[in-house]
Amino acid sequence: MVGQFLVQRVPEFSSIREEAAFWDTHSLANHWDEFEDEKLVFEPQKDTCPKCGGRMNIAYFDVRLAGGKAILYRVKVYRCPTPGCGTAMLSKEAKAEMDEIAGMLRRGKLEGLELMAVTA
C-alpha cells in the first residue's frame, strides 16, 4: 500500500561486513525504537591542559606529607609547558594516594611509622 512501509527488526549479524551490507540498504530511521539511549560523557585526556588546551608533559617529584612523616617517591605530575600557562596538576592516582595517606596521618594511624610509597 502507498504510504505504509514494513518496519523490519535489525537482525543479529555474524560479521562487520554483514552488518555494513545491511546498513547500506536500510535506514536507521526505521529502527529508532529498537535502540536504547546512550549517555556520552566527555572527559579530557590526561595530557591535555584544562586551562589552555595545550599538551601536558609528565614529570615526577618526591612529595613529603605531614612534615616529612610520609614521603611519596616519584609522584606523577602533569605540567603545561605553554608559555604563560604553567598549569600543574597531580595525576588522579597520585592525588587519591596522597588523600588516603593524609587521612591516615590525621587519624593517627601512621604515627611513628616511616612510609615510603612509589607512584608510577
C-alpha atoms as a PDB file:
ATOM      1  CA  MET A   1       0.000   0.000   0.000  1.00  0.00           C
ATOM      2  CA  VAL A   2       1.075   3.528  -0.656  1.00  0.00           C
ATOM      3  CA  GLY A   3       2.035   5.472   2.467  1.00  0.00           C
ATOM      4  CA  GLN A   4       2.774   2.374   4.541  1.00  0.00           C
ATOM      5  CA  PHE A   5       6.026   0.519   4.889  1.00  0.00           C
ATOM      6  CA  LEU A   6       7.133  -2.602   6.618  1.00  0.00           C
ATOM      7  CA  VAL A   7       9.410  -1.988   9.587  1.00  0.00           C
ATOM      8  CA  GLN A   8      11.929  -4.798   9.763  1.00  0.00           C
ATOM      9  CA  ARG A   9      13.753  -5.625  13.013  1.00  0.00           C
ATOM     10  CA  VAL A  10      17.527  -5.257  12.990  1.00  0.00           C
ATOM     11  CA  PRO A  11      18.909  -8.788  12.690  1.00  0.00           C
ATOM     12  CA  GLU A  12      21.852 -10.290  14.558  1.00  0.00           C
ATOM     13  CA  PHE A  13      24.988 -10.079  12.433  1.00  0.00           C
ATOM     14  CA  SER A  14      27.772 -12.635  12.208  1.00  0.00           C
ATOM     15  CA  SER A  15      30.350 -10.167  10.896  1.00  0.00           C
ATOM     16  CA  ILE A  16      31.003  -6.470  10.446  1.00  0.00           C
ATOM     17  CA  ARG A  17      30.800  -6.943   6.677  1.00  0.00           C
ATOM     18  CA  GLU A  18      27.324  -8.413   7.002  1.00  0.00           C
ATOM     19  CA  GLU A  19      26.233  -5.527   9.215  1.00  0.00           C
ATOM     20  CA  ALA A  20      27.726  -2.957   6.829  1.00  0.00           C
ATOM     21  CA  ALA A  21      25.892  -4.538   3.905  1.00  0.00           C
ATOM     22  CA  PHE A  22      22.623  -4.362   5.852  1.00  0.00           C
ATOM     23  CA  TRP A  23      23.026  -0.655   6.690  1.00  0.00           C
ATOM     24  CA  ASP A  24      23.955   0.093   3.064  1.00  0.00           C
ATOM     25  CA  THR A  25      20.400  -0.866   2.116  1.00  0.00           C
ATOM     26  CA  HIS A  26      18.406   0.101   5.235  1.00  0.00           C
ATOM     27  CA  SER A  27      17.638   3.364   7.012  1.00  0.00           C
ATOM     28  CA  LEU A  28      18.361   3.764  10.719  1.00  0.00           C
ATOM     29  CA  ALA A  29      15.264   5.996  10.892  1.00  0.00           C
ATOM     30  CA  ASN A  30      13.097   2.882  10.603  1.00  0.00           C
ATOM     31  CA  HIS A  31      14.750   1.330  13.672  1.00  0.00           C
ATOM     32  CA  TRP A  32      14.921   4.124  16.281  1.00  0.00           C
ATOM     33  CA  ASP A  33      12.586   2.319  18.667  1.00  0.00           C
ATOM     34  CA  GLU A  34      14.898  -0.719  18.781  1.00  0.00           C
ATOM     35  CA  PHE A  35      17.836   1.136  20.287  1.00  0.00           C
ATOM     36  CA  GLU A  36      18.409   2.446  23.802  1.00  0.00           C
ATOM     37  CA  ASP A  37      19.628   5.946  24.518  1.00  0.00           C
ATOM     38  CA  GLU A  38      23.278   6.088  25.423  1.00  0.00           C
ATOM     39  CA  LYS A  39      24.717   8.808  27.634  1.00  0.00           C
ATOM     40  CA  LEU A  40      28.064  10.028  26.344  1.00  0.00           C
ATOM     41  CA  VAL A  41      30.453  11.649  28.784  1.00  0.00           C
ATOM     42  CA  PHE A  42      33.366  13.695  27.551  1.00  0.00           C
ATOM     43  CA  GLU A  43      36.456  13.541  29.693  1.00  0.00           C
ATOM     44  CA  PRO A  44      39.509  15.453  28.556  1.00  0.00           C
ATOM     45  CA  GLN A  45      42.643  13.405  28.061  1.00  0.00           C
ATOM     46  CA  LYS A  46      45.066  13.291  30.970  1.00  0.00           C
ATOM     47  CA  ASP A  47      47.691  15.010  28.886  1.00  0.00           C
ATOM     48  CA  THR A  48      45.510  17.988  27.893  1.00  0.00           C
ATOM     49  CA  CYS A  49      45.811  21.204  29.908  1.00  0.00           C
ATOM     50  CA  PRO A  50      42.429  22.192  31.368  1.00  0.00           C
ATOM     51  CA  LYS A  51      43.418  25.877  31.287  1.00  0.00           C
ATOM     52  CA  CYS A  52      44.824  26.407  27.778  1.00  0.00           C
ATOM     53  CA  GLY A  53      44.211  23.082  25.992  1.00  0.00           C
ATOM     54  CA  GLY A  54      47.935  22.550  25.370  1.00  0.00           C
ATOM     55  CA  ARG A  55      49.638  19.200  25.676  1.00  0.00           C
ATOM     56  CA  MET A  56      50.828  18.466  29.222  1.00  0.00           C
ATOM     57  CA  ASN A  57      54.236  16.962  29.944  1.00  0.00           C
ATOM     58  CA  ILE A  58      54.717  14.335  32.632  1.00  0.00           C
ATOM     59  CA  ALA A  59      57.179  14.998  35.439  1.00  0.00           C
ATOM     60  CA  TYR A  60      57.975  13.035  38.602  1.00  0.00           C
ATOM     61  CA  PHE A  61      58.606  14.530  42.038  1.00  0.00           C
ATOM     62  CA  ASP A  62      59.181  13.315  45.582  1.00  0.00           C
ATOM     63  CA  VAL A  63      56.481  14.701  47.882  1.00  0.00           C
ATOM     64  CA  ARG A  64      56.668  14.972  51.679  1.00  0.00           C
ATOM     65  CA  LEU A  65      53.424  14.809  53.616  1.00  0.00           C
ATOM     66  CA  ALA A  66      52.715  15.867  57.208  1.00  0.00           C
ATOM     67  CA  GLY A  67      56.091  17.438  57.855  1.00  0.00           C
ATOM     68  CA  GLY A  68      58.016  14.521  56.382  1.00  0.00           C
ATOM     69  CA  LYS A  69      56.153  11.753  58.246  1.00  0.00           C
ATOM     70  CA  ALA A  70      55.275  10.298  54.861  1.00  0.00           C
ATOM     71  CA  ILE A  71      57.211  10.564  51.628  1.00  0.00           C
ATOM     72  CA  LEU A  72      55.873   9.621  48.232  1.00  0.00           C
ATOM     73  CA  TYR A  73      58.616   8.973  45.733  1.00  0.00           C
ATOM     74  CA  ARG A  74      58.247   9.674  42.009  1.00  0.00           C
ATOM     75  CA  VAL A  75      54.743  11.148  42.153  1.00  0.00           C
ATOM     76  CA  LYS A  76      53.366  11.698  38.644  1.00  0.00           C
ATOM     77  CA  VAL A  77      52.550  15.350  37.919  1.00  0.00           C
ATOM     78  CA  TYR A  78      51.245  16.836  34.667  1.00  0.00           C
ATOM     79  CA  ARG A  79      52.835  20.205  33.758  1.00  0.00           C
ATOM     80  CA  CYS A  80      51.893  22.507  30.889  1.00  0.00           C
ATOM     81  CA  PRO A  81      54.899  23.942  29.036  1.00  0.00           C
ATOM     82  CA  THR A  82      52.789  26.509  27.141  1.00  0.00           C
ATOM     83  CA  PRO A  83      54.293  29.988  27.702  1.00  0.00           C
ATOM     84  CA  GLY A  84      52.130  31.992  30.087  1.00  0.00           C
ATOM     85  CA  CYS A  85      50.199  28.967  31.324  1.00  0.00           C
ATOM     86  CA  GLY A  86      52.348  26.835  33.627  1.00  0.00           C
ATOM     87  CA  THR A  87      49.435  24.742  34.953  1.00  0.00           C
ATOM     88  CA  ALA A  88      50.499  21.749  37.053  1.00  0.00           C
ATOM     89  CA  MET A  89      48.290  19.016  38.475  1.00  0.00           C
ATOM     90  CA  LEU A  90      48.683  15.667  40.157  1.00  0.00           C
ATOM     91  CA  SER A  91      47.699  12.506  38.370  1.00  0.00           C
ATOM     92  CA  LYS A  92      44.375  11.107  39.596  1.00  0.00           C
ATOM     93  CA  GLU A  93      46.144   8.090  41.115  1.00  0.00           C
ATOM     94  CA  ALA A  94      48.702  10.207  42.982  1.00  0.00           C
ATOM     95  CA  LYS A  95      46.019  12.509  44.380  1.00  0.00           C
ATOM     96  CA  ALA A  96      43.966   9.555  45.639  1.00  0.00           C
ATOM     97  CA  GLU A  97      47.019   8.019  47.277  1.00  0.00           C
ATOM     98  CA  MET A  98      48.029  11.313  48.900  1.00  0.00           C
ATOM     99  CA  ASP A  99      44.499  11.902  50.208  1.00  0.00           C
ATOM    100  CA  GLU A 100      44.398   8.402  51.693  1.00  0.00           C
ATOM    101  CA  ILE A 101      47.758   8.805  53.432  1.00  0.00           C
ATOM    102  CA  ALA A 102      46.921  12.296  54.708  1.00  0.00           C
ATOM    103  CA  GLY A 103      43.663  10.937  56.170  1.00  0.00           C
ATOM    104  CA  MET A 104      45.520   8.099  57.892  1.00  0.00           C
ATOM    105  CA  LEU A 105      48.004  10.580  59.346  1.00  0.00           C
ATOM    106  CA  ARG A 106      45.159  12.789  60.633  1.00  0.00           C
ATOM    107  CA  ARG A 107      43.570   9.783  62.330  1.00  0.00           C
ATOM    108  CA  GLY A 108      46.911   8.817  63.870  1.00  0.00           C
ATOM    109  CA  LYS A 109      47.067   5.513  62.015  1.00  0.00           C
ATOM    110  CA  LEU A 110      50.667   6.038  60.838  1.00  0.00           C
ATOM    111  CA  GLU A 111      52.092   7.716  63.920  1.00  0.00           C
ATOM    112  CA  GLY A 112      55.727   6.782  64.377  1.00  0.00           C
ATOM    113  CA  LEU A 113      55.986   4.907  61.069  1.00  0.00           C
ATOM    114  CA  GLU A 114      58.131   5.865  58.123  1.00  0.00           C
ATOM    115  CA  LEU A 115      56.090   5.420  54.976  1.00  0.00           C
ATOM    116  CA  MET A 116      57.610   5.031  51.571  1.00  0.00           C
ATOM    117  CA  ALA A 117      55.254   4.604  48.638  1.00  0.00           C
ATOM    118  CA  VAL A 118      56.058   4.507  44.961  1.00  0.00           C
ATOM    119  CA  THR A 119      53.741   6.099  42.435  1.00  0.00           C
ATOM    120  CA  ALA A 120      54.333   5.058  38.843  1.00  0.00           C
END
